[in-house]
C-alpha cells in the first residue's frame, strides 16, 4: 500500500511516541576551540555543567570550572553537594517536583541554574529544554525559557497542569494541516497556540521511498526544504519572532516526533545564540536516545525489508542536519545572512535575543 512519504513518517513516529517513555537526559556543553578568544569576558567560570535525572529519583551532577577552586550546589535552598573545580556528585532523597532545579555556585564568578533537560510527561517522549548549553563566548543558554517537543495530542490533564506550572505561554505547531487535524494539540489553558506549518505549500513528499538509500535522500531533501522552502522560511521566522517578542515565556515549539522540523528549529536557535556546532549536533542527535525504544517498537512490527526503509525516516543522522547547514551556505552564504534574509532577524534583533536568552 502506497502512502505519501510525509504521511508514512507521521504515522510511524506518532505511533512510536505513544508507546514508551524517553530515557534520562543529560544537560552538558562541550568547549569550542574558539572559546579562548572570549574566555576573559565570561562571568561564568563553568566550562561544563550538567544534571542527569535517573529513573530511581537520583540526580547526577557534573561540573568543570576555570579560575575557581570550590563549587557548592544547592537544591530547594539547601546545600546538596560540594567539591573542587571539577567534580561529580549523586544526590538522592529530594522531594518530588515538576522539575528539580540545582544552583551551581562557584567560589568566584557567576553561578548557573540547571535542571535535567528532559521534562517527563505522560503523553510525550521527546519534551525537553532547549537551554543549558555553553556558547563559544563562555555564556550559557538559560533553561526554563524555550522548550521543544514531539506531538501534544496525547498530553494528559496532569501534563497540562505541569506545563501551566512551568509557565508555557506560547505553543508553535510546526505540523501540516493533515497532522493537526488528525492529532489535535492539547495546550495549557490560556496559552497562545500558533500554527507555523514548515511544509505549507510544499509539493514534496509525494512518494514513499522504496529503498533505505531513497529514504535517506528524502530526509536530506526535507532538511533543505526547511531552510530554503517558502513554508520553512515563514514558519521559522514566525517562531523566532515569537521567541524574540514574547518576554512572558516559556515558549514551546513542536512537530510530530520532535526531531526533524523541531530539530532544525532548535539547531537554528542554538546556532544563532552562539552555541558550538558540535554541541548543536549532539543536541540534535539526542532524539535517537529519547525515541529509541519507541522507534524500535515501530520497526519490530514491520517486515524486515520495510523496516529497513522506515528506519532512516525515524532516525536523526548527522548528514540530515549537515544538509540544513549546507543549504544555508548555498542559499544565503552565511548563517547570519540566513537569519537576516531568510528569517528577518537583523543584527539588532539578534543582539537582543542573545541578551535575553543568555547569561554570563
C-alpha atoms as a PDB file:
ATOM      1  CA  UNK A   1       0.000   0.000   0.000  1.00  0.00           C
ATOM      2  CA  UNK A   2       1.471   3.327  -1.046  1.00  0.00           C
ATOM      3  CA  UNK A   3       1.227   6.448   1.059  1.00  0.00           C
ATOM      4  CA  UNK A   4       2.842   9.837   0.856  1.00  0.00           C
ATOM      5  CA  UNK A   5       6.278   9.899   2.433  1.00  0.00           C
ATOM      6  CA  UNK A   6       5.321  12.560   4.933  1.00  0.00           C
ATOM      7  CA  UNK A   7       2.185  10.681   5.948  1.00  0.00           C
ATOM      8  CA  UNK A   8       4.152   7.462   6.386  1.00  0.00           C
ATOM      9  CA  UNK A   9       6.686   9.176   8.582  1.00  0.00           C
ATOM     10  CA  UNK A  10       3.974  10.845  10.646  1.00  0.00           C
ATOM     11  CA  UNK A  11       2.114   7.555  11.209  1.00  0.00           C
ATOM     12  CA  UNK A  12       5.274   5.772  12.335  1.00  0.00           C
ATOM     13  CA  UNK A  13       6.525   8.494  14.646  1.00  0.00           C
ATOM     14  CA  UNK A  14       3.117   9.232  16.148  1.00  0.00           C
ATOM     15  CA  UNK A  15       2.678   5.555  16.968  1.00  0.00           C
ATOM     16  CA  UNK A  16       6.156   5.458  18.427  1.00  0.00           C
ATOM     17  CA  UNK A  17       5.533   8.462  20.645  1.00  0.00           C
ATOM     18  CA  UNK A  18       2.542   6.786  22.261  1.00  0.00           C
ATOM     19  CA  UNK A  19       4.291   3.533  23.160  1.00  0.00           C
ATOM     20  CA  UNK A  20       7.073   4.313  25.642  1.00  0.00           C
ATOM     21  CA  UNK A  21       8.661   6.990  27.814  1.00  0.00           C
ATOM     22  CA  UNK A  22      12.030   8.545  26.986  1.00  0.00           C
ATOM     23  CA  UNK A  23      15.350   7.732  28.687  1.00  0.00           C
ATOM     24  CA  UNK A  24      17.129  10.108  31.016  1.00  0.00           C
ATOM     25  CA  UNK A  25      18.553  13.335  29.653  1.00  0.00           C
ATOM     26  CA  UNK A  26      21.946  14.918  30.061  1.00  0.00           C
ATOM     27  CA  UNK A  27      22.485  18.682  30.080  1.00  0.00           C
ATOM     28  CA  UNK A  28      26.058  19.344  29.039  1.00  0.00           C
ATOM     29  CA  UNK A  29      28.211  21.646  26.964  1.00  0.00           C
ATOM     30  CA  UNK A  30      31.458  20.880  25.203  1.00  0.00           C
ATOM     31  CA  UNK A  31      34.072  23.547  24.885  1.00  0.00           C
ATOM     32  CA  UNK A  32      34.869  25.008  21.498  1.00  0.00           C
ATOM     33  CA  UNK A  33      38.442  25.759  20.414  1.00  0.00           C
ATOM     34  CA  UNK A  34      37.254  29.315  19.809  1.00  0.00           C
ATOM     35  CA  UNK A  35      36.401  29.820  23.491  1.00  0.00           C
ATOM     36  CA  UNK A  36      39.861  31.183  24.254  1.00  0.00           C
ATOM     37  CA  UNK A  37      39.113  34.354  22.321  1.00  0.00           C
ATOM     38  CA  UNK A  38      36.351  35.376  24.717  1.00  0.00           C
ATOM     39  CA  UNK A  39      37.066  33.487  27.928  1.00  0.00           C
ATOM     40  CA  UNK A  40      38.153  36.573  29.853  1.00  0.00           C
ATOM     41  CA  UNK A  41      34.815  38.252  29.146  1.00  0.00           C
ATOM     42  CA  UNK A  42      32.730  35.478  30.689  1.00  0.00           C
ATOM     43  CA  UNK A  43      31.445  35.960  34.226  1.00  0.00           C
ATOM     44  CA  UNK A  44      30.605  32.248  34.482  1.00  0.00           C
ATOM     45  CA  UNK A  45      33.622  30.047  35.237  1.00  0.00           C
ATOM     46  CA  UNK A  46      31.870  26.781  34.350  1.00  0.00           C
ATOM     47  CA  UNK A  47      33.114  25.191  31.137  1.00  0.00           C
ATOM     48  CA  UNK A  48      30.902  22.144  31.687  1.00  0.00           C
ATOM     49  CA  UNK A  49      27.889  21.555  33.915  1.00  0.00           C
ATOM     50  CA  UNK A  50      25.095  19.029  33.785  1.00  0.00           C
ATOM     51  CA  UNK A  51      22.177  17.492  35.649  1.00  0.00           C
ATOM     52  CA  UNK A  52      21.053  13.976  34.791  1.00  0.00           C
ATOM     53  CA  UNK A  53      17.946  12.531  36.430  1.00  0.00           C
ATOM     54  CA  UNK A  54      17.810   8.794  36.989  1.00  0.00           C
ATOM     55  CA  UNK A  55      14.751   6.595  36.979  1.00  0.00           C
ATOM     56  CA  UNK A  56      15.340   5.909  40.695  1.00  0.00           C
ATOM     57  CA  UNK A  57      14.937   9.562  41.650  1.00  0.00           C
ATOM     58  CA  UNK A  58      18.664  10.212  41.976  1.00  0.00           C
ATOM     59  CA  UNK A  59      20.368  13.137  40.242  1.00  0.00           C
ATOM     60  CA  UNK A  60      23.912  13.004  38.914  1.00  0.00           C
ATOM     61  CA  UNK A  61      25.643  16.381  38.869  1.00  0.00           C
ATOM     62  CA  UNK A  62      28.851  17.068  36.940  1.00  0.00           C
ATOM     63  CA  UNK A  63      30.880  20.236  36.564  1.00  0.00           C
ATOM     64  CA  UNK A  64      34.181  21.665  35.429  1.00  0.00           C
ATOM     65  CA  UNK A  65      35.371  25.208  36.036  1.00  0.00           C
ATOM     66  CA  UNK A  66      38.213  27.621  35.405  1.00  0.00           C
ATOM     67  CA  UNK A  67      39.556  30.132  37.880  1.00  0.00           C
ATOM     68  CA  UNK A  68      37.798  28.819  40.968  1.00  0.00           C
ATOM     69  CA  UNK A  69      38.780  26.155  43.495  1.00  0.00           C
ATOM     70  CA  UNK A  70      35.457  25.299  45.122  1.00  0.00           C
ATOM     71  CA  UNK A  71      31.900  24.709  43.955  1.00  0.00           C
ATOM     72  CA  UNK A  72      28.771  24.452  46.085  1.00  0.00           C
ATOM     73  CA  UNK A  73      25.468  23.160  44.715  1.00  0.00           C
ATOM     74  CA  UNK A  74      22.094  23.912  46.247  1.00  0.00           C
ATOM     75  CA  UNK A  75      18.621  22.460  45.709  1.00  0.00           C
ATOM     76  CA  UNK A  76      15.485  23.797  47.367  1.00  0.00           C
ATOM     77  CA  UNK A  77      17.644  26.285  49.278  1.00  0.00           C
ATOM     78  CA  UNK A  78      19.889  23.646  50.854  1.00  0.00           C
ATOM     79  CA  UNK A  79      23.453  22.589  50.040  1.00  0.00           C
ATOM     80  CA  UNK A  80      23.316  19.128  48.455  1.00  0.00           C
ATOM     81  CA  UNK A  81      26.854  18.822  47.080  1.00  0.00           C
ATOM     82  CA  UNK A  82      30.311  20.383  47.374  1.00  0.00           C
ATOM     83  CA  UNK A  83      33.533  19.867  45.511  1.00  0.00           C
ATOM     84  CA  UNK A  84      36.567  21.281  43.828  1.00  0.00           C
ATOM     85  CA  UNK A  85      36.919  22.921  40.448  1.00  0.00           C
ATOM     86  CA  UNK A  86      35.954  19.655  38.774  1.00  0.00           C
ATOM     87  CA  UNK A  87      33.566  17.135  40.236  1.00  0.00           C
ATOM     88  CA  UNK A  88      30.720  14.667  40.192  1.00  0.00           C
ATOM     89  CA  UNK A  89      28.024  14.111  42.808  1.00  0.00           C
ATOM     90  CA  UNK A  90      24.934  11.929  43.138  1.00  0.00           C
ATOM     91  CA  UNK A  91      22.038  13.484  45.052  1.00  0.00           C
ATOM     92  CA  UNK A  92      19.151  11.425  46.423  1.00  0.00           C
ATOM     93  CA  UNK A  93      16.171  11.915  48.699  1.00  0.00           C
ATOM     94  CA  UNK A  94      14.858  15.138  47.199  1.00  0.00           C
ATOM     95  CA  UNK A  95      11.071  15.690  47.256  1.00  0.00           C
ATOM     96  CA  UNK A  96       9.082  15.162  44.071  1.00  0.00           C
ATOM     97  CA  UNK A  97       8.813  18.221  41.838  1.00  0.00           C
ATOM     98  CA  UNK A  98       7.731  19.169  38.338  1.00  0.00           C
ATOM     99  CA  UNK A  99      11.404  19.920  37.674  1.00  0.00           C
ATOM    100  CA  UNK A 100      14.196  19.709  40.184  1.00  0.00           C
ATOM    101  CA  UNK A 101      16.464  22.742  39.876  1.00  0.00           C
ATOM    102  CA  UNK A 102      20.057  22.982  41.071  1.00  0.00           C
ATOM    103  CA  UNK A 103      22.052  26.162  41.693  1.00  0.00           C
ATOM    104  CA  UNK A 104      25.742  25.687  40.862  1.00  0.00           C
ATOM    105  CA  UNK A 105      27.661  28.281  42.930  1.00  0.00           C
ATOM    106  CA  UNK A 106      31.387  28.770  42.237  1.00  0.00           C
ATOM    107  CA  UNK A 107      33.774  30.287  44.780  1.00  0.00           C
ATOM    108  CA  UNK A 108      34.339  33.097  42.270  1.00  0.00           C
ATOM    109  CA  UNK A 109      32.132  34.286  39.451  1.00  0.00           C
ATOM    110  CA  UNK A 110      28.525  33.881  38.448  1.00  0.00           C
ATOM    111  CA  UNK A 111      26.595  30.688  39.073  1.00  0.00           C
ATOM    112  CA  UNK A 112      24.296  28.556  36.952  1.00  0.00           C
ATOM    113  CA  UNK A 113      20.746  27.326  37.500  1.00  0.00           C
ATOM    114  CA  UNK A 114      20.242  23.961  35.803  1.00  0.00           C
ATOM    115  CA  UNK A 115      17.819  21.054  35.676  1.00  0.00           C
ATOM    116  CA  UNK A 116      17.668  17.775  33.815  1.00  0.00           C
ATOM    117  CA  UNK A 117      16.949  18.635  30.196  1.00  0.00           C
ATOM    118  CA  UNK A 118      14.126  16.092  29.808  1.00  0.00           C
ATOM    119  CA  UNK A 119      10.705  17.149  31.091  1.00  0.00           C
ATOM    120  CA  UNK A 120       8.891  13.938  31.942  1.00  0.00           C
ATOM    121  CA  UNK A 121       5.291  13.949  30.743  1.00  0.00           C
ATOM    122  CA  UNK A 122       2.847  11.088  30.402  1.00  0.00           C
ATOM    123  CA  UNK A 123       1.910  11.989  26.824  1.00  0.00           C
ATOM    124  CA  UNK A 124       5.289  12.758  25.210  1.00  0.00           C
ATOM    125  CA  UNK A 125       8.656  11.067  24.730  1.00  0.00           C
ATOM    126  CA  UNK A 126      10.811  13.950  23.496  1.00  0.00           C
ATOM    127  CA  UNK A 127       9.818  17.038  25.501  1.00  0.00           C
ATOM    128  CA  UNK A 128      12.973  18.825  26.594  1.00  0.00           C
ATOM    129  CA  UNK A 129      14.528  22.122  27.482  1.00  0.00           C
ATOM    130  CA  UNK A 130      16.428  23.968  24.745  1.00  0.00           C
ATOM    131  CA  UNK A 131      18.761  25.616  27.258  1.00  0.00           C
ATOM    132  CA  UNK A 132      21.670  24.610  29.437  1.00  0.00           C
ATOM    133  CA  UNK A 133      24.342  24.885  26.725  1.00  0.00           C
ATOM    134  CA  UNK A 134      27.551  26.927  26.726  1.00  0.00           C
ATOM    135  CA  UNK A 135      28.320  29.295  23.875  1.00  0.00           C
ATOM    136  CA  UNK A 136      31.677  29.855  22.206  1.00  0.00           C
ATOM    137  CA  UNK A 137      31.999  33.073  24.215  1.00  0.00           C
ATOM    138  CA  UNK A 138      31.526  31.372  27.584  1.00  0.00           C
ATOM    139  CA  UNK A 139      27.935  32.447  28.171  1.00  0.00           C
ATOM    140  CA  UNK A 140      25.149  29.925  28.811  1.00  0.00           C
ATOM    141  CA  UNK A 141      21.665  29.495  27.326  1.00  0.00           C
ATOM    142  CA  UNK A 142      19.045  29.939  30.041  1.00  0.00           C
ATOM    143  CA  UNK A 143      16.931  26.947  30.986  1.00  0.00           C
ATOM    144  CA  UNK A 144      13.189  27.141  31.543  1.00  0.00           C
ATOM    145  CA  UNK A 145      12.643  29.628  28.707  1.00  0.00           C
ATOM    146  CA  UNK A 146      12.344  27.570  25.495  1.00  0.00           C
ATOM    147  CA  UNK A 147      11.069  24.013  25.139  1.00  0.00           C
ATOM    148  CA  UNK A 148      10.957  21.582  22.210  1.00  0.00           C
ATOM    149  CA  UNK A 149       8.706  18.552  21.883  1.00  0.00           C
ATOM    150  CA  UNK A 150       7.003  15.853  19.898  1.00  0.00           C
ATOM    151  CA  UNK A 151       3.215  15.932  19.379  1.00  0.00           C
ATOM    152  CA  UNK A 152       0.978  17.197  22.180  1.00  0.00           C
ATOM    153  CA  UNK A 153      -2.214  15.325  21.254  1.00  0.00           C
ATOM    154  CA  UNK A 154      -1.732  12.720  23.996  1.00  0.00           C
ATOM    155  CA  UNK A 155      -0.993  15.108  26.839  1.00  0.00           C
ATOM    156  CA  UNK A 156      -2.932  14.186  29.959  1.00  0.00           C
ATOM    157  CA  UNK A 157      -4.661  16.610  32.293  1.00  0.00           C
ATOM    158  CA  UNK A 158      -1.724  16.138  34.672  1.00  0.00           C
ATOM    159  CA  UNK A 159       0.663  17.044  31.840  1.00  0.00           C
ATOM    160  CA  UNK A 160      -1.268  20.200  31.041  1.00  0.00           C
ATOM    161  CA  UNK A 161      -1.261  21.212  34.689  1.00  0.00           C
ATOM    162  CA  UNK A 162       2.514  20.704  34.812  1.00  0.00           C
ATOM    163  CA  UNK A 163       3.036  22.822  31.696  1.00  0.00           C
ATOM    164  CA  UNK A 164       0.944  25.587  33.245  1.00  0.00           C
ATOM    165  CA  UNK A 165       3.129  25.475  36.338  1.00  0.00           C
ATOM    166  CA  UNK A 166       6.230  25.554  34.123  1.00  0.00           C
ATOM    167  CA  UNK A 167       4.903  28.757  32.593  1.00  0.00           C
ATOM    168  CA  UNK A 168       4.347  27.629  28.996  1.00  0.00           C
ATOM    169  CA  UNK A 169       2.666  30.648  27.410  1.00  0.00           C
ATOM    170  CA  UNK A 170       3.047  30.123  23.649  1.00  0.00           C
ATOM    171  CA  UNK A 171       2.902  26.921  21.572  1.00  0.00           C
ATOM    172  CA  UNK A 172       4.153  26.831  17.968  1.00  0.00           C
ATOM    173  CA  UNK A 173       2.814  23.879  15.973  1.00  0.00           C
ATOM    174  CA  UNK A 174       5.167  23.094  13.066  1.00  0.00           C
ATOM    175  CA  UNK A 175       2.975  20.325  11.622  1.00  0.00           C
ATOM    176  CA  UNK A 176       0.925  20.104   8.425  1.00  0.00           C
ATOM    177  CA  UNK A 177      -2.842  20.582   8.187  1.00  0.00           C
ATOM    178  CA  UNK A 178      -3.408  16.823   7.998  1.00  0.00           C
ATOM    179  CA  UNK A 179      -1.312  16.216  11.090  1.00  0.00           C
ATOM    180  CA  UNK A 180      -3.016  18.967  13.051  1.00  0.00           C
ATOM    181  CA  UNK A 181      -6.460  17.664  12.060  1.00  0.00           C
ATOM    182  CA  UNK A 182      -5.701  14.021  12.830  1.00  0.00           C
ATOM    183  CA  UNK A 183      -3.973  14.645  16.169  1.00  0.00           C
ATOM    184  CA  UNK A 184      -5.246  17.890  17.641  1.00  0.00           C
ATOM    185  CA  UNK A 185      -2.881  19.571  20.093  1.00  0.00           C
ATOM    186  CA  UNK A 186      -3.746  19.834  23.746  1.00  0.00           C
ATOM    187  CA  UNK A 187      -2.251  23.056  25.090  1.00  0.00           C
ATOM    188  CA  UNK A 188      -2.218  24.601  28.561  1.00  0.00           C
ATOM    189  CA  UNK A 189      -5.114  26.835  29.481  1.00  0.00           C
ATOM    190  CA  UNK A 190      -4.545  30.468  28.450  1.00  0.00           C
ATOM    191  CA  UNK A 191      -1.531  29.548  26.303  1.00  0.00           C
ATOM    192  CA  UNK A 192      -1.404  31.080  22.822  1.00  0.00           C
ATOM    193  CA  UNK A 193      -1.495  28.466  20.040  1.00  0.00           C
ATOM    194  CA  UNK A 194       0.268  29.423  16.786  1.00  0.00           C
ATOM    195  CA  UNK A 195       0.350  27.427  13.537  1.00  0.00           C
ATOM    196  CA  UNK A 196       3.780  27.559  11.852  1.00  0.00           C
ATOM    197  CA  UNK A 197       3.486  24.898   9.127  1.00  0.00           C
ATOM    198  CA  UNK A 198       7.020  24.221   7.900  1.00  0.00           C
ATOM    199  CA  UNK A 199       5.867  22.309   4.823  1.00  0.00           C
ATOM    200  CA  UNK A 200       2.934  24.563   3.892  1.00  0.00           C
ATOM    201  CA  UNK A 201       2.544  24.718   0.117  1.00  0.00           C
ATOM    202  CA  UNK A 202       5.259  22.126  -0.450  1.00  0.00           C
ATOM    203  CA  UNK A 203       4.858  19.785  -3.395  1.00  0.00           C
ATOM    204  CA  UNK A 204       7.374  17.348  -1.963  1.00  0.00           C
ATOM    205  CA  UNK A 205       6.929  14.069  -0.103  1.00  0.00           C
ATOM    206  CA  UNK A 206       4.519  12.549  -2.587  1.00  0.00           C
ATOM    207  CA  UNK A 207       6.140   9.131  -2.975  1.00  0.00           C
ATOM    208  CA  UNK A 208       7.122   6.540  -0.407  1.00  0.00           C
ATOM    209  CA  UNK A 209      10.815   5.594  -0.755  1.00  0.00           C
ATOM    210  CA  UNK A 210      11.467   2.060  -1.917  1.00  0.00           C
ATOM    211  CA  UNK A 211      14.972   1.626  -0.533  1.00  0.00           C
ATOM    212  CA  UNK A 212      16.902   2.824   2.535  1.00  0.00           C
ATOM    213  CA  UNK A 213      19.033   4.974   0.242  1.00  0.00           C
ATOM    214  CA  UNK A 214      15.951   6.705  -1.137  1.00  0.00           C
ATOM    215  CA  UNK A 215      14.702   7.264   2.413  1.00  0.00           C
ATOM    216  CA  UNK A 216      17.973   8.933   3.426  1.00  0.00           C
ATOM    217  CA  UNK A 217      17.866  11.138   0.349  1.00  0.00           C
ATOM    218  CA  UNK A 218      14.273  12.095   1.123  1.00  0.00           C
ATOM    219  CA  UNK A 219      15.225  13.152   4.638  1.00  0.00           C
ATOM    220  CA  UNK A 220      18.118  15.232   3.307  1.00  0.00           C
ATOM    221  CA  UNK A 221      15.822  16.895   0.775  1.00  0.00           C
ATOM    222  CA  UNK A 222      13.329  17.616   3.570  1.00  0.00           C
ATOM    223  CA  UNK A 223      16.043  19.291   5.625  1.00  0.00           C
ATOM    224  CA  UNK A 224      16.972  21.508   2.698  1.00  0.00           C
ATOM    225  CA  UNK A 225      13.325  22.432   2.228  1.00  0.00           C
ATOM    226  CA  UNK A 226      13.119  23.532   5.849  1.00  0.00           C
ATOM    227  CA  UNK A 227      15.871  26.061   5.152  1.00  0.00           C
ATOM    228  CA  UNK A 228      15.055  27.411   1.713  1.00  0.00           C
ATOM    229  CA  UNK A 229      11.420  26.411   1.123  1.00  0.00           C
ATOM    230  CA  UNK A 230       8.847  29.180   1.435  1.00  0.00           C
ATOM    231  CA  UNK A 231       6.924  27.319   4.117  1.00  0.00           C
ATOM    232  CA  UNK A 232      10.057  26.741   6.169  1.00  0.00           C
ATOM    233  CA  UNK A 233      11.181  30.351   5.955  1.00  0.00           C
ATOM    234  CA  UNK A 234       7.791  31.668   7.022  1.00  0.00           C
ATOM    235  CA  UNK A 235       7.363  29.108   9.802  1.00  0.00           C
ATOM    236  CA  UNK A 236      10.759  29.599  11.408  1.00  0.00           C
ATOM    237  CA  UNK A 237      10.510  33.358  11.023  1.00  0.00           C
ATOM    238  CA  UNK A 238       7.275  33.172  12.985  1.00  0.00           C
ATOM    239  CA  UNK A 239       8.918  31.070  15.694  1.00  0.00           C
ATOM    240  CA  UNK A 240      11.935  33.377  16.004  1.00  0.00           C
ATOM    241  CA  UNK A 241       9.693  36.435  16.063  1.00  0.00           C
ATOM    242  CA  UNK A 242       7.591  34.858  18.806  1.00  0.00           C
ATOM    243  CA  UNK A 243      10.626  33.967  20.899  1.00  0.00           C
ATOM    244  CA  UNK A 244      12.046  37.453  20.474  1.00  0.00           C
ATOM    245  CA  UNK A 245       8.889  39.357  21.341  1.00  0.00           C
ATOM    246  CA  UNK A 246       7.330  37.100  23.972  1.00  0.00           C
ATOM    247  CA  UNK A 247       9.189  38.019  27.153  1.00  0.00           C
ATOM    248  CA  UNK A 248       6.413  36.385  29.197  1.00  0.00           C
ATOM    249  CA  UNK A 249       7.810  32.946  28.389  1.00  0.00           C
ATOM    250  CA  UNK A 250       8.054  29.947  28.265  1.00  0.00           C
ATOM    251  CA  UNK A 251       7.798  29.213  24.532  1.00  0.00           C
ATOM    252  CA  UNK A 252       7.308  25.723  23.116  1.00  0.00           C
ATOM    253  CA  UNK A 253       7.711  24.548  19.505  1.00  0.00           C
ATOM    254  CA  UNK A 254       6.958  21.034  18.309  1.00  0.00           C
ATOM    255  CA  UNK A 255       6.167  18.744  15.389  1.00  0.00           C
ATOM    256  CA  UNK A 256       5.120  15.075  15.379  1.00  0.00           C
ATOM    257  CA  UNK A 257       8.269  13.309  16.568  1.00  0.00           C
ATOM    258  CA  UNK A 258      10.091  16.400  17.801  1.00  0.00           C
ATOM    259  CA  UNK A 259      13.170  15.565  15.780  1.00  0.00           C
ATOM    260  CA  UNK A 260      13.228  16.996  12.230  1.00  0.00           C
ATOM    261  CA  UNK A 261      11.222  20.215  11.917  1.00  0.00           C
ATOM    262  CA  UNK A 262      11.648  20.756  15.640  1.00  0.00           C
ATOM    263  CA  UNK A 263      15.285  19.691  15.335  1.00  0.00           C
ATOM    264  CA  UNK A 264      16.095  22.378  12.785  1.00  0.00           C
ATOM    265  CA  UNK A 265      14.174  24.995  14.754  1.00  0.00           C
ATOM    266  CA  UNK A 266      16.273  24.270  17.827  1.00  0.00           C
ATOM    267  CA  UNK A 267      19.514  23.950  15.856  1.00  0.00           C
ATOM    268  CA  UNK A 268      18.912  27.335  14.240  1.00  0.00           C
ATOM    269  CA  UNK A 269      18.129  28.929  17.603  1.00  0.00           C
ATOM    270  CA  UNK A 270      21.205  27.496  19.330  1.00  0.00           C
ATOM    271  CA  UNK A 271      23.420  28.439  16.391  1.00  0.00           C
ATOM    272  CA  UNK A 272      22.056  31.982  16.465  1.00  0.00           C
ATOM    273  CA  UNK A 273      22.846  32.160  20.173  1.00  0.00           C
ATOM    274  CA  UNK A 274      26.453  31.122  19.558  1.00  0.00           C
ATOM    275  CA  UNK A 275      26.406  27.501  20.741  1.00  0.00           C
ATOM    276  CA  UNK A 276      29.222  25.484  19.100  1.00  0.00           C
ATOM    277  CA  UNK A 277      28.264  23.369  16.110  1.00  0.00           C
ATOM    278  CA  UNK A 278      29.359  20.111  17.776  1.00  0.00           C
ATOM    279  CA  UNK A 279      27.112  20.848  20.761  1.00  0.00           C
ATOM    280  CA  UNK A 280      24.182  21.627  18.468  1.00  0.00           C
ATOM    281  CA  UNK A 281      24.722  18.335  16.651  1.00  0.00           C
ATOM    282  CA  UNK A 282      24.812  16.410  19.936  1.00  0.00           C
ATOM    283  CA  UNK A 283      21.523  18.009  20.986  1.00  0.00           C
ATOM    284  CA  UNK A 284      20.006  17.151  17.601  1.00  0.00           C
ATOM    285  CA  UNK A 285      21.163  13.521  17.742  1.00  0.00           C
ATOM    286  CA  UNK A 286      19.798  13.106  21.269  1.00  0.00           C
ATOM    287  CA  UNK A 287      16.368  12.427  19.730  1.00  0.00           C
ATOM    288  CA  UNK A 288      17.725   8.995  18.798  1.00  0.00           C
ATOM    289  CA  UNK A 289      18.192   8.267  22.501  1.00  0.00           C
ATOM    290  CA  UNK A 290      14.885   9.704  23.681  1.00  0.00           C
ATOM    291  CA  UNK A 291      12.958   7.912  20.955  1.00  0.00           C
ATOM    292  CA  UNK A 292      14.989   4.700  20.747  1.00  0.00           C
ATOM    293  CA  UNK A 293      12.516   2.374  22.454  1.00  0.00           C
ATOM    294  CA  UNK A 294       9.545   3.926  20.645  1.00  0.00           C
ATOM    295  CA  UNK A 295      11.229   3.641  17.250  1.00  0.00           C
ATOM    296  CA  UNK A 296      12.318   0.068  17.942  1.00  0.00           C
ATOM    297  CA  UNK A 297       8.723  -0.794  18.816  1.00  0.00           C
ATOM    298  CA  UNK A 298       7.533   0.539  15.463  1.00  0.00           C
ATOM    299  CA  UNK A 299      10.218  -1.235  13.459  1.00  0.00           C
ATOM    300  CA  UNK A 300       9.653  -4.538  15.245  1.00  0.00           C
ATOM    301  CA  UNK A 301       6.114  -4.683  13.823  1.00  0.00           C
ATOM    302  CA  UNK A 302       7.274  -4.280  10.221  1.00  0.00           C
ATOM    303  CA  UNK A 303       8.660  -6.880   7.804  1.00  0.00           C
ATOM    304  CA  UNK A 304      12.481  -6.626   7.664  1.00  0.00           C
ATOM    305  CA  UNK A 305      12.593  -5.078   4.200  1.00  0.00           C
ATOM    306  CA  UNK A 306      10.021  -2.417   5.099  1.00  0.00           C
ATOM    307  CA  UNK A 307      11.709  -1.765   8.434  1.00  0.00           C
ATOM    308  CA  UNK A 308      14.991  -1.096   6.621  1.00  0.00           C
ATOM    309  CA  UNK A 309      13.248   1.592   4.547  1.00  0.00           C
ATOM    310  CA  UNK A 310      11.460   3.108   7.541  1.00  0.00           C
ATOM    311  CA  UNK A 311      14.470   3.309   9.838  1.00  0.00           C
ATOM    312  CA  UNK A 312      16.056   6.332   8.097  1.00  0.00           C
ATOM    313  CA  UNK A 313      12.689   8.096   8.428  1.00  0.00           C
ATOM    314  CA  UNK A 314      12.626   7.536  12.185  1.00  0.00           C
ATOM    315  CA  UNK A 315      16.286   8.384  12.774  1.00  0.00           C
ATOM    316  CA  UNK A 316      18.099  11.648  13.091  1.00  0.00           C
ATOM    317  CA  UNK A 317      21.543  11.491  11.496  1.00  0.00           C
ATOM    318  CA  UNK A 318      24.447  13.921  11.143  1.00  0.00           C
ATOM    319  CA  UNK A 319      24.005  14.058   7.376  1.00  0.00           C
ATOM    320  CA  UNK A 320      20.433  15.311   7.819  1.00  0.00           C
ATOM    321  CA  UNK A 321      21.383  18.279   9.990  1.00  0.00           C
ATOM    322  CA  UNK A 322      24.504  18.950   7.934  1.00  0.00           C
ATOM    323  CA  UNK A 323      22.293  19.173   4.849  1.00  0.00           C
ATOM    324  CA  UNK A 324      20.490  22.049   6.522  1.00  0.00           C
ATOM    325  CA  UNK A 325      23.717  23.910   7.184  1.00  0.00           C
ATOM    326  CA  UNK A 326      24.891  23.156   3.628  1.00  0.00           C
ATOM    327  CA  UNK A 327      21.661  24.641   2.301  1.00  0.00           C
ATOM    328  CA  UNK A 328      22.205  27.742   4.421  1.00  0.00           C
ATOM    329  CA  UNK A 329      25.608  28.248   2.802  1.00  0.00           C
ATOM    330  CA  UNK A 330      24.312  27.510  -0.705  1.00  0.00           C
ATOM    331  CA  UNK A 331      21.251  29.759  -0.474  1.00  0.00           C
ATOM    332  CA  UNK A 332      22.499  32.569   1.790  1.00  0.00           C
ATOM    333  CA  UNK A 333      26.285  32.342   2.046  1.00  0.00           C
ATOM    334  CA  UNK A 334      26.405  32.501   5.853  1.00  0.00           C
ATOM    335  CA  UNK A 335      24.248  31.786   8.867  1.00  0.00           C
ATOM    336  CA  UNK A 336      23.920  35.462   9.742  1.00  0.00           C
ATOM    337  CA  UNK A 337      22.556  36.148   6.250  1.00  0.00           C
ATOM    338  CA  UNK A 338      20.125  33.237   6.667  1.00  0.00           C
ATOM    339  CA  UNK A 339      18.853  34.801   9.865  1.00  0.00           C
ATOM    340  CA  UNK A 340      18.595  38.221   8.217  1.00  0.00           C
ATOM    341  CA  UNK A 341      17.382  37.471   4.696  1.00  0.00           C
ATOM    342  CA  UNK A 342      15.634  34.170   5.353  1.00  0.00           C
ATOM    343  CA  UNK A 343      14.042  34.723   8.751  1.00  0.00           C
ATOM    344  CA  UNK A 344      14.062  38.515   9.044  1.00  0.00           C
ATOM    345  CA  UNK A 345      16.282  38.621  12.148  1.00  0.00           C
ATOM    346  CA  UNK A 346      18.616  41.597  11.779  1.00  0.00           C
ATOM    347  CA  UNK A 347      21.713  42.320  13.879  1.00  0.00           C
ATOM    348  CA  UNK A 348      19.851  44.397  16.431  1.00  0.00           C
ATOM    349  CA  UNK A 349      17.198  41.732  16.945  1.00  0.00           C
ATOM    350  CA  UNK A 350      19.851  39.034  17.152  1.00  0.00           C
ATOM    351  CA  UNK A 351      21.737  41.019  19.776  1.00  0.00           C
ATOM    352  CA  UNK A 352      18.546  41.493  21.778  1.00  0.00           C
ATOM    353  CA  UNK A 353      17.752  37.790  21.501  1.00  0.00           C
ATOM    354  CA  UNK A 354      21.179  36.883  22.860  1.00  0.00           C
ATOM    355  CA  UNK A 355      20.940  39.369  25.703  1.00  0.00           C
ATOM    356  CA  UNK A 356      17.542  37.967  26.623  1.00  0.00           C
ATOM    357  CA  UNK A 357      18.330  34.236  26.444  1.00  0.00           C
ATOM    358  CA  UNK A 358      21.966  34.116  27.579  1.00  0.00           C
ATOM    359  CA  UNK A 359      23.542  34.526  30.999  1.00  0.00           C
ATOM    360  CA  UNK A 360      27.142  35.320  31.822  1.00  0.00           C
END
